[in-house]
C-alpha atoms as a PDB file:
ATOM      1  CA  MET A   1      85.639 184.316 129.372  1.00  0.00           C
ATOM      2  CA  LYS A   2      82.226 185.117 127.909  1.00  0.00           C
ATOM      3  CA  THR A   3      83.703 188.118 126.080  1.00  0.00           C
ATOM      4  CA  LEU A   4      86.491 185.966 124.669  1.00  0.00           C
ATOM      5  CA  ARG A   5      83.974 183.353 123.517  1.00  0.00           C
ATOM      6  CA  ASN A   6      81.721 185.968 121.926  1.00  0.00           C
ATOM      7  CA  HIS A   7      84.634 187.379 119.934  1.00  0.00           C
ATOM      8  CA  SER A   8      86.592 184.164 119.463  1.00  0.00           C
ATOM      9  CA  LEU A   9      86.284 184.063 115.653  1.00  0.00           C
ATOM     10  CA  SER A  10      87.887 187.472 115.120  1.00  0.00           C
ATOM     11  CA  LEU A  11      90.469 186.880 117.865  1.00  0.00           C
ATOM     12  CA  VAL A  12      91.534 183.504 116.464  1.00  0.00           C
ATOM     13  CA  PHE A  13      91.916 184.937 112.965  1.00  0.00           C
ATOM     14  CA  LEU A  14      93.850 187.918 114.362  1.00  0.00           C
ATOM     15  CA  ALA A  15      96.242 185.557 116.139  1.00  0.00           C
ATOM     16  CA  MET A  16      96.644 183.441 112.990  1.00  0.00           C
ATOM     17  CA  PHE A  17      97.249 186.585 110.932  1.00  0.00           C
ATOM     18  CA  LEU A  18      99.960 187.879 113.281  1.00  0.00           C
ATOM     19  CA  ALA A  19     101.649 184.478 113.451  1.00  0.00           C
ATOM     20  CA  ALA A  20     101.671 184.176 109.653  1.00  0.00           C
ATOM     21  CA  LEU A  21     102.920 187.759 109.209  1.00  0.00           C
ATOM     22  CA  ILE A  22     105.775 187.224 111.675  1.00  0.00           C
ATOM     23  CA  GLY A  23     106.625 183.918 110.017  1.00  0.00           C
ATOM     24  CA  GLN A  24     106.648 185.575 106.608  1.00  0.00           C
ATOM     25  CA  ALA A  25     108.965 188.301 107.907  1.00  0.00           C
ATOM     26  CA  ILE A  26     111.407 185.769 109.380  1.00  0.00           C
ATOM     27  CA  ALA A  27     111.463 183.596 106.253  1.00  0.00           C
ATOM     28  CA  GLY A  28     111.622 186.604 103.943  1.00  0.00           C
ATOM     29  CA  HIS A  29     114.508 188.104 105.889  1.00  0.00           C
ATOM     30  CA  ALA A  30     116.462 184.848 105.625  1.00  0.00           C
ATOM     31  CA  GLU A  31     115.808 184.543 101.904  1.00  0.00           C
ATOM     32  CA  TYR A  32     116.686 188.204 101.309  1.00  0.00           C
ATOM     33  CA  ASN A  33     120.030 187.873 103.073  1.00  0.00           C
ATOM     34  CA  ASN A  34     120.801 184.563 101.357  1.00  0.00           C
ATOM     35  CA  GLU A  35     120.355 186.252  97.984  1.00  0.00           C
ATOM     36  CA  HIS A  36     122.613 189.120  99.052  1.00  0.00           C
ATOM     37  CA  ILE A  37     125.274 186.699 100.283  1.00  0.00           C
ATOM     38  CA  ALA A  38     125.091 184.808  96.966  1.00  0.00           C
ATOM     39  CA  HIS A  39     125.676 188.099  95.127  1.00  0.00           C
ATOM     40  CA  MET A  40     128.360 189.155  97.638  1.00  0.00           C
ATOM     41  CA  SER A  41     126.245 192.102  98.803  1.00  0.00           C
ATOM     42  CA  GLU A  42     125.755 193.483 102.297  1.00  0.00           C
ATOM     43  CA  THR A  43     123.127 191.759 104.458  1.00  0.00           C
ATOM     44  CA  VAL A  44     120.524 193.684 106.491  1.00  0.00           C
ATOM     45  CA  SER A  45     119.086 193.386 109.979  1.00  0.00           C
ATOM     46  CA  PHE A  46     115.643 191.929 110.590  1.00  0.00           C
ATOM     47  CA  TRP A  47     114.087 195.294 111.442  1.00  0.00           C
ATOM     48  CA  ARG A  48     115.601 196.955 108.389  1.00  0.00           C
ATOM     49  CA  TYR A  49     114.124 194.208 106.230  1.00  0.00           C
ATOM     50  CA  VAL A  50     110.675 194.624 107.826  1.00  0.00           C
ATOM     51  CA  VAL A  51     110.557 198.310 106.796  1.00  0.00           C
ATOM     52  CA  SER A  52     112.022 197.634 103.343  1.00  0.00           C
ATOM     53  CA  SER A  53     110.105 197.920 100.076  1.00  0.00           C
ATOM     54  CA  ASN A  54     110.871 194.262  99.409  1.00  0.00           C
ATOM     55  CA  PHE A  55     108.858 193.115 102.437  1.00  0.00           C
ATOM     56  CA  GLY A  56     106.217 195.802 101.918  1.00  0.00           C
ATOM     57  CA  GLN A  57     105.572 194.666  98.367  1.00  0.00           C
ATOM     58  CA  ALA A  58     105.241 191.020  99.407  1.00  0.00           C
ATOM     59  CA  VAL A  59     102.673 191.918 102.064  1.00  0.00           C
ATOM     60  CA  MET A  60     100.691 194.481 100.071  1.00  0.00           C
ATOM     61  CA  GLU A  61     100.307 192.385  96.936  1.00  0.00           C
ATOM     62  CA  ASN A  62      98.512 189.766  99.027  1.00  0.00           C
ATOM     63  CA  TRP A  63      96.412 192.211 101.012  1.00  0.00           C
ATOM     64  CA  GLN A  64      95.121 194.047  97.955  1.00  0.00           C
ATOM     65  CA  SER A  65      94.051 190.838  96.231  1.00  0.00           C
ATOM     66  CA  GLU A  66      92.172 189.672  99.324  1.00  0.00           C
ATOM     67  CA  TYR A  67      90.262 192.941  99.640  1.00  0.00           C
ATOM     68  CA  LEU A  68      89.560 192.938  95.900  1.00  0.00           C
ATOM     69  CA  GLN A  69      88.077 189.461  96.320  1.00  0.00           C
ATOM     70  CA  PHE A  70      85.683 190.578  99.048  1.00  0.00           C
ATOM     71  CA  THR A  71      84.809 193.866  97.326  1.00  0.00           C
ATOM     72  CA  THR A  72      83.846 192.146  94.078  1.00  0.00           C
ATOM     73  CA  PHE A  73      82.031 189.334  95.913  1.00  0.00           C
ATOM     74  CA  ILE A  74      79.962 191.810  97.947  1.00  0.00           C
ATOM     75  CA  LEU A  75      78.992 193.754  94.823  1.00  0.00           C
ATOM     76  CA  LEU A  76      78.365 190.841  92.473  1.00  0.00           C
ATOM     77  CA  THR A  77      76.164 188.937  94.906  1.00  0.00           C
ATOM     78  CA  VAL A  78      73.695 191.833  94.890  1.00  0.00           C
ATOM     79  CA  TRP A  79      72.704 190.962  91.317  1.00  0.00           C
ATOM     80  CA  VAL A  80      74.113 187.543  90.362  1.00  0.00           C
ATOM     81  CA  VAL A  81      73.106 184.219  91.915  1.00  0.00           C
ATOM     82  CA  GLN A  82      74.195 180.592  91.935  1.00  0.00           C
ATOM     83  CA  LYS A  83      71.416 178.074  92.310  1.00  0.00           C
ATOM     84  CA  GLY A  84      72.016 175.710  95.205  1.00  0.00           C
ATOM     85  CA  SER A  85      74.868 177.687  96.772  1.00  0.00           C
ATOM     86  CA  PRO A  86      74.756 179.093 100.335  1.00  0.00           C
ATOM     87  CA  GLU A  87      77.121 181.806  99.056  1.00  0.00           C
ATOM     88  CA  SER A  88      74.271 183.166  96.917  1.00  0.00           C
ATOM     89  CA  LYS A  89      71.056 185.011  97.709  1.00  0.00           C
ATOM     90  CA  LYS A  90      67.762 183.271  97.060  1.00  0.00           C
ATOM     91  CA  LEU A  91      66.939 183.239  93.365  1.00  0.00           C
ATOM     92  CA  ASP A  92      63.951 185.575  93.731  1.00  0.00           C
ATOM     93  CA  GLU A  93      65.862 188.205  95.753  1.00  0.00           C
ATOM     94  CA  VAL A  94      68.130 189.535  92.994  1.00  0.00           C
ATOM     95  CA  GLY A  95      68.846 193.255  93.247  1.00  0.00           C
ATOM     96  CA  ARG A  96      69.004 195.815  96.052  1.00  0.00           C
ATOM     97  CA  GLU A  97      65.674 194.667  97.566  1.00  0.00           C
ATOM     98  CA  SER A  98      62.907 196.868  98.965  1.00  0.00           C
ATOM     99  CA  ASP A  99      63.202 199.235 101.928  1.00  0.00           C
ATOM    100  CA  GLU A 100      60.925 196.880 103.849  1.00  0.00           C
ATOM    101  CA  ASP A 101      63.158 193.898 103.155  1.00  0.00           C
ATOM    102  CA  GLN A 102      66.227 195.899 104.162  1.00  0.00           C
ATOM    103  CA  LYS A 103      64.521 197.365 107.265  1.00  0.00           C
ATOM    104  CA  ILE A 104      65.478 200.957 106.512  1.00  0.00           C
ATOM    105  CA  GLY A 105      63.684 204.292 106.836  1.00  0.00           C
ATOM    106  CA  GLU A 106      60.161 203.890 108.175  1.00  0.00           C
ATOM    107  CA  HIS A 107      60.650 200.115 108.200  1.00  0.00           C
ATOM    108  CA  ALA A 108      63.591 200.260 110.651  1.00  0.00           C
ATOM    109  CA  GLY A 109      63.082 198.499 113.960  1.00  0.00           C
ATOM    110  CA  GLU A 110      63.772 199.693 117.484  1.00  0.00           C
ATOM    111  CA  ARG A 111      67.198 198.052 117.510  1.00  0.00           C
ATOM    112  CA  SER A 112      68.156 199.158 113.990  1.00  0.00           C
ATOM    113  CA  PRO A 113      71.280 201.369 113.692  1.00  0.00           C
ATOM    114  CA  LYS A 114      70.584 205.118 113.714  1.00  0.00           C
ATOM    115  CA  TRP A 115      71.766 205.586 110.148  1.00  0.00           C
ATOM    116  CA  ALA A 116      69.290 202.934 108.964  1.00  0.00           C
ATOM    117  CA  ARG A 117      66.558 205.387 109.966  1.00  0.00           C
ATOM    118  CA  ALA A 118      68.235 208.329 108.206  1.00  0.00           C
ATOM    119  CA  ARG A 119      67.404 209.630 104.752  1.00  0.00           C
ATOM    120  CA  GLY A 120      69.280 210.904 101.737  1.00  0.00           C
ATOM    121  CA  PHE A 121      73.072 210.827 101.648  1.00  0.00           C
ATOM    122  CA  ARG A 122      73.527 209.399 105.154  1.00  0.00           C
ATOM    123  CA  LEU A 123      71.286 206.456 104.349  1.00  0.00           C
ATOM    124  CA  TRP A 124      73.068 205.892 101.021  1.00  0.00           C
ATOM    125  CA  VAL A 125      76.464 205.887 102.736  1.00  0.00           C
ATOM    126  CA  TYR A 126      75.358 203.439 105.419  1.00  0.00           C
ATOM    127  CA  SER A 127      73.544 201.258 102.864  1.00  0.00           C
ATOM    128  CA  ASN A 128      76.815 200.885 100.935  1.00  0.00           C
ATOM    129  CA  SER A 129      79.285 201.265 103.810  1.00  0.00           C
ATOM    130  CA  LEU A 130      80.661 197.718 103.631  1.00  0.00           C
ATOM    131  CA  VAL A 131      81.721 197.882 100.000  1.00  0.00           C
ATOM    132  CA  LEU A 132      82.875 201.498 100.379  1.00  0.00           C
ATOM    133  CA  VAL A 133      85.259 200.584 103.200  1.00  0.00           C
ATOM    134  CA  MET A 134      86.442 197.328 101.616  1.00  0.00           C
ATOM    135  CA  GLY A 135      86.942 199.067  98.276  1.00  0.00           C
ATOM    136  CA  THR A 136      88.883 201.893  99.898  1.00  0.00           C
ATOM    137  CA  ILE A 137      91.176 199.425 101.653  1.00  0.00           C
ATOM    138  CA  TRP A 138      91.689 197.588  98.362  1.00  0.00           C
ATOM    139  CA  ILE A 139      92.629 200.776  96.492  1.00  0.00           C
ATOM    140  CA  GLY A 140      94.922 201.833  99.343  1.00  0.00           C
ATOM    141  CA  THR A 141      96.751 198.499  99.494  1.00  0.00           C
ATOM    142  CA  TRP A 142      96.931 198.303  95.687  1.00  0.00           C
ATOM    143  CA  PHE A 143      98.546 201.750  95.663  1.00  0.00           C
ATOM    144  CA  ALA A 144     100.935 200.698  98.443  1.00  0.00           C
ATOM    145  CA  GLN A 145     101.853 197.599  96.432  1.00  0.00           C
ATOM    146  CA  SER A 146     102.608 199.722  93.390  1.00  0.00           C
ATOM    147  CA  VAL A 147     104.844 202.127  95.354  1.00  0.00           C
ATOM    148  CA  THR A 148     106.773 199.429  97.242  1.00  0.00           C
ATOM    149  CA  GLY A 149     107.049 197.332  94.095  1.00  0.00           C
ATOM    150  CA  TRP A 150     108.340 200.321  92.152  1.00  0.00           C
ATOM    151  CA  SER A 151     110.944 201.042  94.835  1.00  0.00           C
ATOM    152  CA  SER A 152     112.043 197.398  94.948  1.00  0.00           C
ATOM    153  CA  TYR A 153     112.183 197.198  91.147  1.00  0.00           C
ATOM    154  CA  ASN A 154     114.357 200.308  90.871  1.00  0.00           C
ATOM    155  CA  ALA A 155     116.646 199.041  93.632  1.00  0.00           C
ATOM    156  CA  ASP A 156     117.253 195.910  91.563  1.00  0.00           C
ATOM    157  CA  GLN A 157     117.840 198.034  88.471  1.00  0.00           C
ATOM    158  CA  ILE A 158     120.461 200.081  90.336  1.00  0.00           C
ATOM    159  CA  ASP A 159     122.157 196.911  91.631  1.00  0.00           C
ATOM    160  CA  HIS A 160     122.445 195.688  88.049  1.00  0.00           C
ATOM    161  CA  GLN A 161     123.530 199.131  86.806  1.00  0.00           C
ATOM    162  CA  GLU A 162     120.455 199.452  84.626  1.00  0.00           C
ATOM    163  CA  GLN A 163     118.097 202.376  84.075  1.00  0.00           C
ATOM    164  CA  THR A 164     115.365 203.091  86.632  1.00  0.00           C
ATOM    165  CA  ILE A 165     111.771 203.883  85.646  1.00  0.00           C
ATOM    166  CA  SER A 166     109.038 206.222  86.863  1.00  0.00           C
ATOM    167  CA  TRP A 167     106.093 205.108  88.990  1.00  0.00           C
ATOM    168  CA  LEU A 168     103.753 205.365  85.992  1.00  0.00           C
ATOM    169  CA  GLY A 169     106.252 203.394  83.944  1.00  0.00           C
ATOM    170  CA  TYR A 170     106.248 200.679  86.589  1.00  0.00           C
ATOM    171  CA  LEU A 171     102.420 200.569  86.569  1.00  0.00           C
ATOM    172  CA  GLY A 172     102.584 199.618  82.901  1.00  0.00           C
ATOM    173  CA  SER A 173     105.359 197.068  83.361  1.00  0.00           C
ATOM    174  CA  ALA A 174     105.094 193.303  83.086  1.00  0.00           C
ATOM    175  CA  ASP A 175     106.714 192.978  86.531  1.00  0.00           C
ATOM    176  CA  PHE A 176     103.839 194.807  88.231  1.00  0.00           C
ATOM    177  CA  TRP A 177     101.014 193.053  86.405  1.00  0.00           C
ATOM    178  CA  GLN A 178     102.573 189.595  86.695  1.00  0.00           C
ATOM    179  CA  THR A 179     102.538 189.790  90.498  1.00  0.00           C
ATOM    180  CA  THR A 180      99.133 191.511  90.559  1.00  0.00           C
ATOM    181  CA  LEU A 181      97.291 189.096  88.271  1.00  0.00           C
ATOM    182  CA  GLN A 182      99.001 186.139  89.909  1.00  0.00           C
ATOM    183  CA  ASN A 183      97.138 186.999  93.096  1.00  0.00           C
ATOM    184  CA  TRP A 184      93.866 188.043  91.463  1.00  0.00           C
ATOM    185  CA  GLN A 185      93.366 184.798  89.567  1.00  0.00           C
ATOM    186  CA  SER A 186      93.876 182.698  92.697  1.00  0.00           C
ATOM    187  CA  GLU A 187      91.323 184.775  94.654  1.00  0.00           C
ATOM    188  CA  PHE A 188      88.680 184.539  91.930  1.00  0.00           C
ATOM    189  CA  LEU A 189      89.271 180.790  91.605  1.00  0.00           C
ATOM    190  CA  ALA A 190      88.901 180.289  95.368  1.00  0.00           C
ATOM    191  CA  VAL A 191      85.613 182.216  95.579  1.00  0.00           C
ATOM    192  CA  GLY A 192      84.157 180.576  92.488  1.00  0.00           C
ATOM    193  CA  SER A 193      85.072 177.069  93.625  1.00  0.00           C
ATOM    194  CA  MET A 194      83.609 177.731  97.091  1.00  0.00           C
ATOM    195  CA  ALA A 195      80.314 178.874  95.558  1.00  0.00           C
ATOM    196  CA  VAL A 196      80.077 175.713  93.437  1.00  0.00           C
ATOM    197  CA  LEU A 197      81.459 173.111  95.874  1.00  0.00           C
ATOM    198  CA  ALA A 198      79.123 174.320  98.636  1.00  0.00           C
ATOM    199  CA  ILE A 199      76.170 173.245  96.462  1.00  0.00           C
ATOM    200  CA  TYR A 200      77.034 169.588  96.934  1.00  0.00           C
ATOM    201  CA  LEU A 201      79.385 169.425  99.928  1.00  0.00           C
ATOM    202  CA  ARG A 202      78.672 170.174 103.604  1.00  0.00           C
ATOM    203  CA  GLN A 203      80.433 171.084 106.830  1.00  0.00           C
ATOM    204  CA  ARG A 204      78.215 170.343 109.784  1.00  0.00           C
ATOM    205  CA  GLY A 205      77.794 173.333 112.092  1.00  0.00           C
ATOM    206  CA  SER A 206      79.374 175.917 109.776  1.00  0.00           C
ATOM    207  CA  PRO A 207      77.352 178.985 108.691  1.00  0.00           C
ATOM    208  CA  GLU A 208      79.279 178.830 105.417  1.00  0.00           C
ATOM    209  CA  SER A 209      77.577 175.525 104.645  1.00  0.00           C
ATOM    210  CA  LYS A 210      73.969 174.494 104.178  1.00  0.00           C
ATOM    211  CA  PRO A 211      72.509 172.103 106.772  1.00  0.00           C
ATOM    212  CA  VAL A 212      73.736 168.569 106.093  1.00  0.00           C
ATOM    213  CA  GLY A 213      70.270 167.390 105.115  1.00  0.00           C
ATOM    214  CA  ALA A 214      69.426 170.359 102.878  1.00  0.00           C
ATOM    215  CA  PRO A 215      68.743 169.472  99.221  1.00  0.00           C
ATOM    216  CA  HIS A 216      71.385 170.365  96.655  1.00  0.00           C
ATOM    217  CA  ASP A 217      69.139 172.928  94.947  1.00  0.00           C
ATOM    218  CA  ALA A 218      68.429 174.866  98.187  1.00  0.00           C
ATOM    219  CA  THR A 219      69.865 178.315  97.550  1.00  0.00           C
ATOM    220  CA  GLY A 220      71.117 180.872 100.074  1.00  0.00           C
ATOM    221  CA  VAL A 221      69.568 180.190 103.473  1.00  0.00           C
ATOM    222  CA  GLU A 222      66.642 178.167 102.090  1.00  0.00           C
ATOM    223  CA  GLY A 223      68.148 175.025 103.592  1.00  0.00           C
END
C-alpha cells in the first residue's frame, strides 16, 4: 500500500490515460463505421480500426501537441519569467544558473545522481536530458502523425477516385497543418492561461499553486 501511495499520481494518470484511450477507440470505431454505412461502404472490426491510420492519426496528433507543449515550456522557462506565477522561476534566477545552484560537478552532493558529478558530454546530456527526451518524443509523434495522416488522406482520395499525393506533398497541405495548428494553439493557450491565472487564484494543497496566503506578486516558490 505504501508503494501504491508513493506512486499514486503517476498510477492515477496512467489509469485515466488508458480509460480515455479505450473510450476514444470505441467512439472512433462507431463513428468510422457509421460514416462507412452512410456511404454504403464496408464496415471494419474494432481491432482493424485500432490499427488503422485513421485511429493512429487521431491519437498521434494529440500526443505530439502535448509533448510540444512541455518541450517548449521546459525550454522557455529557463530564460523567460512571469512575475507572480508559480509556473515561473524567481525573477533573479533567469538563465541556466551556476554549477553551485544546480549542484553539479564539484558541487554535487552525496545523493546526487552519478551523471551530475560527471564532466564534459555526459554532464551536458544529463543537464539537458529532460528536454532531449521530451523533444525526441515530440518529433517522433509528429512524424507518426504525418505518416498516418498521409495514409488516411490518400485512402479518402482513393475512395473519391481522386489523385493521391506524396508524403512531402501532404506535409505542405492544408489538411495536415489545419489539424496540427488546431492542437498547438489550444496547448499554448492552456499553458499561458495557467501561468497567468495562478498569479491570482489558488488551490489549497496543490504544488501547482502558491500557498493560499501568498501575495499575488510572489513568484516561483517565493510564496
